């Protein structure tokens, strides 16, 4: 039996444009009972010449036309995988999914305090283990930096690397909480 690969895309509407805010490859090898997860930074350059890079040269722009097949083709080129399946989830779907699971126990890595009135986005989470419901999961995954400019510590993985690590940890926590492996 061949390994199965799925592309997971987290859809986000930013300034009226739909982009893939989360890009993850999930793989499962049933023969060896092994699974993996790879995050691809949404700002990964996929253009031809970095000296003339434009916003549409970022991998997340390949989803701007709400075309999962287009971004899946580009991810296959980047990774050498043969991904045939994809799943797209938006913020409302994420909230419903986490709430349907009854929340997820998660260790928030840092105090998160951020407010953006233009997006009506307010992130206020304390560091430590807690049950994350759907709404908290949404803001946890959207966190970039605090109001004072601080972000994840470098040893955790600052900026986008910290966001990707938080996403992976949240997904693994939800699997561990809800499935017996």
Protein backbone atom coordinates (compact mmCIF):
# COMPACT_ATOMS: atom_id res chain seq x y z
CA UNK A 1 0.00 0.00 0.00
CA UNK A 2 1.40 3.39 -1.04
CA UNK A 3 1.76 6.38 1.31
CA UNK A 4 -1.12 8.86 1.30
CA UNK A 5 -0.42 12.60 1.17
CA UNK A 6 -2.88 15.41 1.88
CA UNK A 7 -2.40 19.16 1.54
CA UNK A 8 -4.05 21.10 4.36
CA UNK A 9 -4.81 24.74 3.55
CA UNK A 10 -5.99 27.27 6.11
CA UNK A 11 -7.96 29.89 4.19
CA UNK A 12 -7.79 33.50 5.35
CA UNK A 13 -9.29 36.66 3.90
CA UNK A 14 -6.80 39.48 4.32
CA UNK A 15 -7.60 42.93 2.95
CA UNK A 16 -10.26 41.47 0.66
CA UNK A 17 -7.98 38.82 -0.85
CA UNK A 18 -8.30 35.11 -0.09
CA UNK A 19 -4.93 33.53 0.68
CA UNK A 20 -3.63 30.29 2.17
CA UNK A 21 -2.47 31.36 5.62
CA UNK A 22 -1.59 27.78 6.59
CA UNK A 23 0.05 25.36 4.18
CA UNK A 24 0.82 21.89 5.55
CA UNK A 25 1.59 18.55 3.97
CA UNK A 26 0.32 15.55 5.91
CA UNK A 27 1.51 12.08 5.05
CA UNK A 28 0.71 8.60 6.24
CA UNK A 29 2.49 5.38 5.31
CA UNK A 30 0.11 2.52 6.23
CA UNK A 31 2.74 -0.15 5.54
CA UNK A 32 5.22 1.25 8.10
CA UNK A 33 2.59 2.91 10.32
CA UNK A 34 4.40 6.26 10.07
CA UNK A 35 2.98 9.75 9.73
CA UNK A 36 4.54 13.15 9.11
CA UNK A 37 3.60 16.79 8.90
CA UNK A 38 5.53 19.49 7.02
CA UNK A 39 4.72 23.20 7.25
CA UNK A 40 5.49 25.45 4.32
CA UNK A 41 5.89 29.12 5.22
CA UNK A 42 3.19 31.11 3.45
CA UNK A 43 5.76 33.64 2.19
CA UNK A 44 7.95 30.98 0.52
CA UNK A 45 9.37 32.44 -2.69
CA UNK A 46 8.28 30.47 -5.76
CA UNK A 47 9.00 33.03 -8.49
CA UNK A 48 11.70 32.92 -11.12
CA UNK A 49 13.96 35.79 -10.03
CA UNK A 50 14.23 36.86 -6.38
CA UNK A 51 15.73 40.21 -7.45
CA UNK A 52 12.39 41.10 -9.06
CA UNK A 53 10.09 39.44 -6.54
CA UNK A 54 6.48 40.54 -6.42
CA UNK A 55 3.73 39.59 -3.93
CA UNK A 56 2.39 37.03 -6.40
CA UNK A 57 5.74 35.21 -6.18
CA UNK A 58 4.83 33.94 -2.69
CA UNK A 59 3.36 30.46 -2.49
CA UNK A 60 0.22 31.63 -0.68
CA UNK A 61 -0.72 33.76 -3.70
CA UNK A 62 -1.29 30.55 -5.67
CA UNK A 63 -4.45 30.17 -3.63
CA UNK A 64 -5.66 33.74 -4.27
CA UNK A 65 -8.01 32.49 -6.98
CA UNK A 66 -9.39 29.91 -4.51
CA UNK A 67 -7.74 27.27 -6.65
CA UNK A 68 -6.44 24.46 -4.40
CA UNK A 69 -5.22 22.43 -7.39
CA UNK A 70 -2.89 25.27 -8.42
CA UNK A 71 -1.21 25.53 -5.02
CA UNK A 72 -1.15 21.71 -4.70
CA UNK A 73 0.79 21.50 -7.98
CA UNK A 74 3.31 24.08 -6.71
CA UNK A 75 3.72 22.25 -3.37
CA UNK A 76 4.34 18.99 -5.26
CA UNK A 77 7.06 20.76 -7.31
CA UNK A 78 8.67 22.11 -4.12
CA UNK A 79 8.54 18.91 -2.09
CA UNK A 80 8.81 16.16 -4.70
CA UNK A 81 5.72 14.54 -3.18
CA UNK A 82 2.74 13.27 -5.14
CA UNK A 83 -0.10 14.94 -3.24
CA UNK A 84 -3.47 14.10 -4.75
CA UNK A 85 -5.81 15.29 -2.01
CA UNK A 86 -6.41 18.55 -0.22
CA UNK A 87 -8.57 19.96 2.53
CA UNK A 88 -9.41 23.64 2.91
CA UNK A 89 -10.64 25.06 6.18
CA UNK A 90 -11.52 28.66 6.95
CA UNK A 91 -11.66 30.36 10.36
CA UNK A 92 -15.35 29.52 10.93
CA UNK A 93 -14.71 25.87 10.10
CA UNK A 94 -11.74 25.76 12.46
CA UNK A 95 -13.83 27.17 15.31
CA UNK A 96 -16.61 24.64 14.69
CA UNK A 97 -14.18 21.73 14.42
CA UNK A 98 -12.38 22.51 17.69
CA UNK A 99 -15.68 23.06 19.49
CA UNK A 100 -17.03 19.79 18.06
CA UNK A 101 -13.99 18.03 19.57
CA UNK A 102 -14.85 19.59 22.95
CA UNK A 103 -11.77 21.80 22.90
CA UNK A 104 -8.12 20.87 23.01
CA UNK A 105 -5.76 20.86 25.97
CA UNK A 106 -2.82 23.01 24.89
CA UNK A 107 0.25 24.61 26.45
CA UNK A 108 0.24 28.22 25.22
CA UNK A 109 3.96 29.05 24.82
CA UNK A 110 3.86 32.76 25.81
CA UNK A 111 1.48 35.44 27.04
CA UNK A 112 -0.31 36.74 23.95
CA UNK A 113 -1.69 40.27 23.97
CA UNK A 114 -2.58 41.78 20.62
CA UNK A 115 -5.34 44.06 19.36
CA UNK A 116 -6.09 45.08 15.78
CA UNK A 117 -9.26 47.14 15.57
CA UNK A 118 -9.22 47.15 11.74
CA UNK A 119 -9.73 43.36 11.75
CA UNK A 120 -11.71 43.28 15.00
CA UNK A 121 -8.97 40.91 16.21
CA UNK A 122 -8.26 40.68 19.93
CA UNK A 123 -5.84 38.05 21.20
CA UNK A 124 -5.49 37.73 24.97
CA UNK A 125 -4.17 34.34 26.10
CA UNK A 126 -2.06 33.55 29.15
CA UNK A 127 0.98 31.31 28.96
CA UNK A 128 0.40 27.77 30.23
CA UNK A 129 -1.69 24.64 29.86
CA UNK A 130 -5.39 25.28 29.28
CA UNK A 131 -8.37 24.05 27.33
CA UNK A 132 -8.56 25.88 24.03
CA UNK A 133 -12.05 26.20 22.54
CA UNK A 134 -12.71 27.10 18.91
CA UNK A 135 -12.52 30.87 19.30
CA UNK A 136 -9.29 30.65 21.31
CA UNK A 137 -7.84 28.27 18.69
CA UNK A 138 -8.55 30.83 15.98
CA UNK A 139 -6.79 33.67 17.76
CA UNK A 140 -3.95 31.40 18.91
CA UNK A 141 -3.26 30.45 15.30
CA UNK A 142 -3.52 34.04 14.07
CA UNK A 143 -1.05 35.41 16.63
CA UNK A 144 2.03 37.08 15.14
CA UNK A 145 3.23 39.50 17.82
CA UNK A 146 2.15 41.35 20.93
CA UNK A 147 1.05 44.97 21.02
CA UNK A 148 4.55 45.90 22.25
CA UNK A 149 6.20 44.17 19.25
CA UNK A 150 7.50 41.09 21.08
CA UNK A 151 6.88 37.69 19.52
CA UNK A 152 7.75 34.07 20.16
CA UNK A 153 11.24 33.68 21.66
CA UNK A 154 13.95 32.67 19.22
CA UNK A 155 14.48 29.31 20.95
CA UNK A 156 10.80 28.48 20.28
CA UNK A 157 10.94 29.71 16.72
CA UNK A 158 10.31 33.41 16.31
CA UNK A 159 7.81 35.06 13.95
CA UNK A 160 6.38 32.72 11.27
CA UNK A 161 8.41 29.75 12.53
CA UNK A 162 6.78 30.19 15.94
CA UNK A 163 3.36 30.33 14.31
CA UNK A 164 4.05 27.13 12.39
CA UNK A 165 5.28 25.38 15.53
CA UNK A 166 2.16 26.47 17.44
CA UNK A 167 -0.03 25.15 14.62
CA UNK A 168 1.72 21.79 14.61
CA UNK A 169 1.53 21.50 18.38
CA UNK A 170 -2.18 22.38 18.38
CA UNK A 171 -2.95 19.82 15.68
CA UNK A 172 -0.94 17.11 17.47
CA UNK A 173 -2.64 18.02 20.76
CA UNK A 174 -6.04 17.65 19.14
CA UNK A 175 -5.10 14.23 17.72
CA UNK A 176 -3.70 13.07 21.07
CA UNK A 177 -6.77 14.34 22.94
CA UNK A 178 -9.34 12.80 20.60
CA UNK A 179 -7.82 9.67 19.11
CA UNK A 180 -6.29 6.64 20.78
CA UNK A 181 -3.14 5.67 18.88
